[in-house]
Amino acid sequence: MIFVGVGLTLAGCGTKKAEQTAPHPVYGVADLETLVKSHPKYSEYFRLETEYSHLVEKYKNEQQRIIRVASQQSKIRASVQDQSDRLAAENELKIRVKTKEDELNRKIQDLYSELSEKYKEKGVFSVDNLTAEERARMANLQMKLTVLGVRGDEKEQIKKELHELLSSRAFQGGYPMNGWLPEDVEKMNSAREKGSAELEKYADEQAAEIKADLDKKRAETMKTIGAEGILAAPEEFNAEWKDKMEAKQKEIVALKEKMMEDIRREAGRVASEKHLTMIFTQYRANISAEDVTGDIAGKIITMGKQEDK
């Protein structure tokens, strides 16, 4: 990098023109970093550079902090939403199973009424449905089986408990069938067993359907949270910090330009005094150069003292 160039010319005198030869160029070299540090404004320049570095570091740290907070908030929101959706899904399953259970019960009651017409002594048919607690237990077990996806021994235990719950309680009402023909008794028992099996199958199917809906909602929730972005207001956040850093950079650039102007001026004076053709800021191969760092630095220091007076 060329730092300063000074052209030198020689002139002859007399009435007869003499052939002149260009003087051999003389070069100088100076360490720019040393010159910058010798400038009286260097402490101010260093302070601005340090402040800028701190601003950049603070911006990065604040950005990371907001990202962590936003990530935690997203996880909490997703968890709360998931729990709410699961509770709603469990309630929906209980309602659907109750509706199906009532439908099947009516069919069995109708069959009992039809068969009992054949006999003089009519019994009173009462159906002992699932209690609210048993229905809630059934829905909870179904959710574990389908939504949470339990495996191994726990899965088999839940399936067994579900089967026992439905087969032992559903459609197990009082069936007074004294004096009934064996085939009518068989019809009632068969209807009861089929009803229990149908309800169990229906509960499995509805649980699977609700799980699919729940998975879809969960995916939509995560998509929505992701679409909102990591930062609550990224444009405002980045713009605020960009303004701060750009303002500090402008201060640095303006001061550095003033310092470089002073250095170039004093280097020019040294080049004139020493008749240097050019001053480099770094050594060049195959070029002999005089180190004038101290000369220029001395003038810069003197300049600073004069300005302080």
Protein backbone atom coordinates (compact mmCIF):
# COMPACT_ATOMS: atom_id res chain seq x y z
CA MET A 1 0.00 0.00 0.00
CA ILE A 2 1.46 3.38 -1.01
CA PHE A 3 1.31 5.81 1.86
CA VAL A 4 2.74 9.06 0.53
CA GLY A 5 4.27 9.96 -2.81
CA VAL A 6 6.44 13.04 -3.32
CA GLY A 7 7.75 13.99 -6.76
CA LEU A 8 11.22 15.51 -6.92
CA THR A 9 12.55 17.51 -9.85
CA LEU A 10 15.93 19.03 -10.54
CA ALA A 11 16.49 22.17 -12.66
CA GLY A 12 19.69 23.34 -14.43
CA CYS A 13 20.85 26.90 -15.12
CA GLY A 14 23.03 28.71 -17.73
CA THR A 15 22.66 29.64 -21.36
CA LYS A 16 23.51 26.15 -22.62
CA LYS A 17 21.05 23.39 -22.14
CA ALA A 18 22.54 20.38 -20.41
CA GLU A 19 21.26 16.86 -20.59
CA GLN A 20 19.55 15.97 -17.32
CA THR A 21 18.93 12.54 -15.81
CA ALA A 22 16.09 11.71 -13.43
CA PRO A 23 17.27 11.31 -9.86
CA HIS A 24 17.33 7.79 -8.43
CA PRO A 25 14.14 7.32 -6.39
CA VAL A 26 14.51 7.18 -2.61
CA TYR A 27 11.86 5.35 -0.59
CA GLY A 28 10.71 5.42 2.98
CA VAL A 29 8.62 3.02 5.07
CA ALA A 30 6.51 3.64 8.16
CA ASP A 31 4.49 1.41 10.48
CA LEU A 32 0.92 2.67 10.21
CA GLU A 33 -0.22 1.05 13.47
CA THR A 34 2.50 2.88 15.41
CA LEU A 35 1.55 6.17 13.77
CA VAL A 36 -2.12 5.71 14.60
CA LYS A 37 -1.30 4.92 18.23
CA SER A 38 0.93 8.00 18.46
CA HIS A 39 -1.90 10.29 17.43
CA PRO A 40 -3.31 12.38 20.29
CA LYS A 41 -6.83 11.24 19.38
CA TYR A 42 -5.95 7.55 19.60
CA SER A 43 -7.32 7.13 23.14
CA GLU A 44 -10.66 8.49 21.95
CA TYR A 45 -10.54 6.23 18.90
CA PHE A 46 -9.75 3.20 21.08
CA ARG A 47 -12.64 4.08 23.38
CA LEU A 48 -15.08 4.24 20.47
CA GLU A 49 -13.83 0.93 19.07
CA THR A 50 -14.25 -0.68 22.50
CA GLU A 51 -17.76 0.74 22.88
CA TYR A 52 -18.67 -0.61 19.45
CA SER A 53 -17.34 -4.09 20.32
CA HIS A 54 -19.37 -4.02 23.54
CA LEU A 55 -22.48 -3.00 21.59
CA VAL A 56 -22.05 -5.93 19.19
CA GLU A 57 -21.49 -8.34 22.07
CA LYS A 58 -24.49 -6.97 23.98
CA TYR A 59 -26.66 -7.28 20.87
CA LYS A 60 -25.69 -10.95 20.43
CA ASN A 61 -26.27 -11.73 24.12
CA GLU A 62 -29.66 -10.01 24.12
CA GLN A 63 -30.64 -11.83 20.95
CA GLN A 64 -29.70 -15.19 22.48
CA ARG A 65 -31.59 -14.34 25.69
CA ILE A 66 -34.75 -13.49 23.77
CA ILE A 67 -34.41 -16.66 21.71
CA ARG A 68 -34.14 -18.76 24.89
CA VAL A 69 -37.14 -17.04 26.49
CA ALA A 70 -39.21 -17.36 23.31
CA SER A 71 -38.28 -21.03 23.01
CA GLN A 72 -39.30 -21.71 26.62
CA GLN A 73 -42.57 -19.83 26.16
CA SER A 74 -43.31 -21.79 22.99
CA LYS A 75 -42.73 -25.08 24.80
CA ILE A 76 -44.97 -24.02 27.69
CA ARG A 77 -47.72 -22.87 25.33
CA ALA A 78 -47.47 -26.07 23.32
CA SER A 79 -47.62 -28.17 26.50
CA VAL A 80 -50.64 -26.29 27.88
CA GLN A 81 -52.41 -26.50 24.53
CA ASP A 82 -51.65 -30.21 24.28
CA GLN A 83 -53.06 -30.90 27.74
CA SER A 84 -56.17 -28.90 26.92
CA ASP A 85 -56.64 -30.75 23.64
CA ARG A 86 -56.15 -34.13 25.34
CA LEU A 87 -58.77 -33.31 27.99
CA ALA A 88 -61.20 -32.19 25.31
CA ALA A 89 -60.48 -35.36 23.32
CA GLU A 90 -61.10 -37.55 26.36
CA ASN A 91 -64.42 -35.84 27.02
CA GLU A 92 -65.38 -36.23 23.37
CA LEU A 93 -64.62 -39.95 23.55
CA LYS A 94 -66.80 -40.35 26.66
CA ILE A 95 -69.71 -38.60 24.92
CA ARG A 96 -69.42 -40.72 21.79
CA VAL A 97 -69.21 -43.99 23.72
CA LYS A 98 -72.17 -43.01 25.91
CA THR A 99 -74.27 -42.24 22.82
CA LYS A 100 -73.37 -45.60 21.25
CA GLU A 101 -74.02 -47.42 24.51
CA ASP A 102 -77.52 -45.92 24.76
CA GLU A 103 -78.22 -46.89 21.14
CA LEU A 104 -77.20 -50.51 21.70
CA ASN A 105 -79.12 -50.64 24.98
CA ARG A 106 -82.32 -49.59 23.22
CA LYS A 107 -81.89 -52.42 20.71
CA ILE A 108 -81.44 -54.98 23.51
CA GLN A 109 -84.42 -53.59 25.39
CA ASP A 110 -86.54 -53.80 22.26
CA LEU A 111 -85.47 -57.42 21.75
CA TYR A 112 -86.31 -58.28 25.36
CA SER A 113 -89.73 -56.66 25.08
CA GLU A 114 -90.42 -58.57 21.86
CA LEU A 115 -89.41 -61.94 23.31
CA SER A 116 -91.18 -61.46 26.65
CA GLU A 117 -94.51 -60.97 24.86
CA LYS A 118 -94.59 -64.74 24.28
CA TYR A 119 -94.83 -65.46 27.97
CA LYS A 120 -97.64 -64.79 30.41
CA GLU A 121 -95.35 -63.74 33.26
CA LYS A 122 -93.62 -60.59 32.01
CA GLY A 123 -90.44 -59.68 33.79
CA VAL A 124 -89.17 -56.18 34.40
CA PHE A 125 -86.06 -55.47 32.41
CA SER A 126 -83.51 -53.07 33.90
CA VAL A 127 -80.19 -52.18 32.33
CA ASP A 128 -77.20 -51.55 34.53
CA ASN A 129 -75.13 -49.19 32.35
CA LEU A 130 -71.60 -47.99 32.94
CA THR A 131 -71.41 -45.47 35.75
CA ALA A 132 -69.95 -42.02 35.13
CA GLU A 133 -66.78 -43.07 36.95
CA GLU A 134 -66.48 -46.26 34.89
CA ARG A 135 -67.07 -44.37 31.65
CA ALA A 136 -64.36 -41.85 32.62
CA ARG A 137 -62.02 -44.73 33.45
CA MET A 138 -62.78 -46.35 30.10
CA ALA A 139 -62.05 -43.09 28.21
CA ASN A 140 -58.83 -42.60 30.15
CA LEU A 141 -57.65 -46.12 29.33
CA GLN A 142 -58.52 -45.64 25.66
CA MET A 143 -56.53 -42.39 25.54
CA LYS A 144 -53.52 -44.10 27.08
CA LEU A 145 -53.79 -46.92 24.58
CA THR A 146 -54.15 -44.77 21.46
CA VAL A 147 -52.84 -41.27 22.18
CA LEU A 148 -49.94 -41.97 24.52
CA GLY A 149 -49.06 -45.16 22.69
CA VAL A 150 -48.15 -47.36 25.66
CA ARG A 151 -46.31 -50.58 24.80
CA GLY A 152 -45.44 -54.00 26.07
CA ASP A 153 -46.94 -55.35 29.29
CA GLU A 154 -48.62 -52.02 30.11
CA LYS A 155 -50.46 -52.07 26.78
CA GLU A 156 -51.70 -55.64 27.33
CA GLN A 157 -52.82 -54.81 30.86
CA ILE A 158 -54.81 -51.78 29.64
CA LYS A 159 -56.48 -53.82 26.88
CA LYS A 160 -57.41 -56.50 29.39
CA GLU A 161 -58.86 -53.96 31.82
CA LEU A 162 -60.85 -52.33 29.04
CA HIS A 163 -62.30 -55.64 27.91
CA GLU A 164 -63.24 -56.66 31.44
CA LEU A 165 -64.79 -53.27 32.14
CA LEU A 166 -66.99 -53.33 29.06
CA SER A 167 -67.93 -57.01 29.13
CA SER A 168 -68.70 -57.14 32.85
CA ARG A 169 -70.67 -53.88 33.13
CA ALA A 170 -72.16 -53.01 29.76
CA PHE A 171 -75.53 -54.59 29.02
CA GLN A 172 -75.47 -56.58 32.27
CA GLY A 173 -78.95 -55.70 33.44
CA GLY A 174 -81.57 -57.93 35.05
CA TYR A 175 -83.05 -60.35 32.57
CA PRO A 176 -85.91 -62.34 34.26
CA MET A 177 -86.21 -65.22 31.80
CA ASN A 178 -87.86 -67.90 33.97
CA GLY A 179 -89.79 -70.34 31.79
CA TRP A 180 -88.28 -69.04 28.57
CA LEU A 181 -87.41 -71.42 25.78
CA PRO A 182 -83.68 -72.12 25.47
CA GLU A 183 -83.56 -70.50 22.02
CA ASP A 184 -85.02 -67.25 23.40
CA VAL A 185 -82.58 -67.27 26.29
CA GLU A 186 -79.79 -67.79 23.76
CA LYS A 187 -81.03 -64.87 21.67
CA MET A 188 -80.89 -62.55 24.66
CA ASN A 189 -77.46 -63.72 25.79
CA SER A 190 -76.13 -63.50 22.24
CA ALA A 191 -77.51 -59.97 21.82
CA ARG A 192 -75.90 -58.96 25.08
CA GLU A 193 -72.49 -60.38 24.07
CA LYS A 194 -72.68 -58.83 20.60
CA GLY A 195 -73.58 -55.48 22.11
CA SER A 196 -70.62 -55.61 24.43
CA ALA A 197 -68.24 -56.54 21.59
CA GLU A 198 -69.69 -53.85 19.30
CA LEU A 199 -69.29 -51.19 21.97
CA GLU A 200 -65.69 -52.23 22.60
CA LYS A 201 -64.91 -52.09 18.87
CA TYR A 202 -66.65 -48.74 18.52
CA ALA A 203 -64.66 -47.30 21.43
CA ASP A 204 -61.40 -48.45 19.79
CA GLU A 205 -62.36 -46.89 16.44
CA GLN A 206 -63.43 -43.60 17.98
CA ALA A 207 -60.29 -43.40 20.08
CA ALA A 208 -58.17 -43.87 16.92
CA GLU A 209 -60.16 -41.18 15.09
CA ILE A 210 -59.85 -38.74 17.97
CA LYS A 211 -56.12 -39.44 18.18
CA ALA A 212 -55.76 -38.54 14.48
CA ASP A 213 -57.60 -35.27 15.11
CA LEU A 214 -55.43 -34.60 18.15
CA ASP A 215 -52.24 -35.20 16.17
CA LYS A 216 -53.46 -32.79 13.50
CA LYS A 217 -54.22 -30.11 16.08
CA ARG A 218 -50.82 -30.64 17.69
CA ALA A 219 -49.07 -30.19 14.32
CA GLU A 220 -51.08 -27.04 13.61
CA THR A 221 -50.22 -25.63 17.03
CA MET A 222 -46.49 -26.17 16.50
CA LYS A 223 -46.74 -24.70 13.01
CA THR A 224 -48.49 -21.61 14.37
CA ILE A 225 -45.93 -21.16 17.12
CA GLY A 226 -43.10 -21.53 14.59
CA ALA A 227 -44.73 -19.03 12.22
CA GLU A 228 -44.80 -16.41 14.93
CA GLY A 229 -41.02 -16.29 14.82
CA ILE A 230 -38.38 -16.57 17.50
CA LEU A 231 -38.47 -12.91 18.39
CA ALA A 232 -41.70 -11.23 19.39
CA ALA A 233 -40.88 -8.25 17.12
CA PRO A 234 -37.69 -9.06 15.18
CA GLU A 235 -37.85 -6.03 12.87
CA GLU A 236 -38.11 -3.54 15.74
CA PHE A 237 -35.49 -5.35 17.80
CA ASN A 238 -32.92 -5.51 14.97
CA ALA A 239 -33.66 -1.96 13.79
CA GLU A 240 -33.05 -0.54 17.26
CA TRP A 241 -29.68 -2.24 17.61
CA LYS A 242 -28.73 -1.48 14.00
CA ASP A 243 -29.28 2.24 14.63
CA LYS A 244 -27.10 2.14 17.75
CA MET A 245 -24.24 0.31 16.02
CA GLU A 246 -24.38 2.44 12.87
CA ALA A 247 -24.26 5.63 14.92
CA LYS A 248 -21.17 4.37 16.74
CA GLN A 249 -19.55 3.30 13.45
CA LYS A 250 -20.07 6.80 12.00
CA GLU A 251 -18.25 8.28 15.00
CA ILE A 252 -15.37 5.86 14.48
CA VAL A 253 -15.12 6.51 10.73
CA ALA A 254 -15.18 10.29 11.15
CA LEU A 255 -12.48 10.26 13.83
CA LYS A 256 -10.30 7.79 11.92
CA GLU A 257 -10.49 9.92 8.77
CA LYS A 258 -9.37 12.99 10.77
CA MET A 259 -6.46 11.01 12.25
CA MET A 260 -5.41 9.68 8.83
CA GLU A 261 -5.52 13.19 7.39
CA ASP A 262 -3.10 14.37 10.11
CA ILE A 263 -0.82 11.37 9.54
CA ARG A 264 -0.72 11.92 5.76
CA ARG A 265 0.10 15.61 6.25
CA GLU A 266 2.99 14.95 8.66
CA ALA A 267 4.26 12.08 6.48
CA GLY A 268 4.34 14.49 3.54
CA ARG A 269 6.48 16.88 5.53
CA VAL A 270 8.94 14.11 6.43
CA ALA A 271 9.07 13.00 2.79
CA SER A 272 9.91 16.58 1.68
CA GLU A 273 12.57 16.99 4.35
CA LYS A 274 14.25 13.68 3.46
CA HIS A 275 13.68 13.98 -0.29
CA LEU A 276 11.76 10.73 -0.39
CA THR A 277 10.00 9.76 -3.58
CA MET A 278 7.48 7.59 -1.77
CA ILE A 279 6.65 6.26 1.69
CA PHE A 280 5.18 2.78 2.07
CA THR A 281 3.27 1.39 5.02
CA GLN A 282 4.94 -1.99 4.59
CA TYR A 283 8.21 -3.22 3.17
CA ARG A 284 8.27 -4.17 -0.50
CA ALA A 285 10.46 -6.86 -2.02
CA ASN A 286 13.58 -5.65 -3.90
CA ILE A 287 13.11 -2.08 -2.68
CA SER A 288 15.44 -0.41 -0.22
CA ALA A 289 13.57 1.94 2.07
CA GLU A 290 14.41 4.12 5.06
CA ASP A 291 12.30 3.59 8.17
CA VAL A 292 10.75 6.96 8.95
CA THR A 293 8.19 5.76 11.51
CA GLY A 294 9.88 7.65 14.34
CA ASP A 295 10.19 10.86 12.34
CA ILE A 296 6.50 10.92 11.43
CA ALA A 297 5.42 9.86 14.93
CA GLY A 298 7.52 12.66 16.43
CA LYS A 299 5.82 15.26 14.27
CA ILE A 300 2.37 13.84 15.15
CA ILE A 301 3.16 14.03 18.86
CA THR A 302 4.44 17.59 18.50
CA MET A 303 1.28 18.47 16.59
CA GLY A 304 -0.80 17.18 19.46
CA LYS A 305 1.11 19.22 22.03
CA GLN A 306 0.66 22.36 19.97
CA GLU A 307 -3.09 21.73 19.75
CA ASP A 308 -3.28 21.37 23.51
CA LYS A 309 -1.79 24.83 24.06
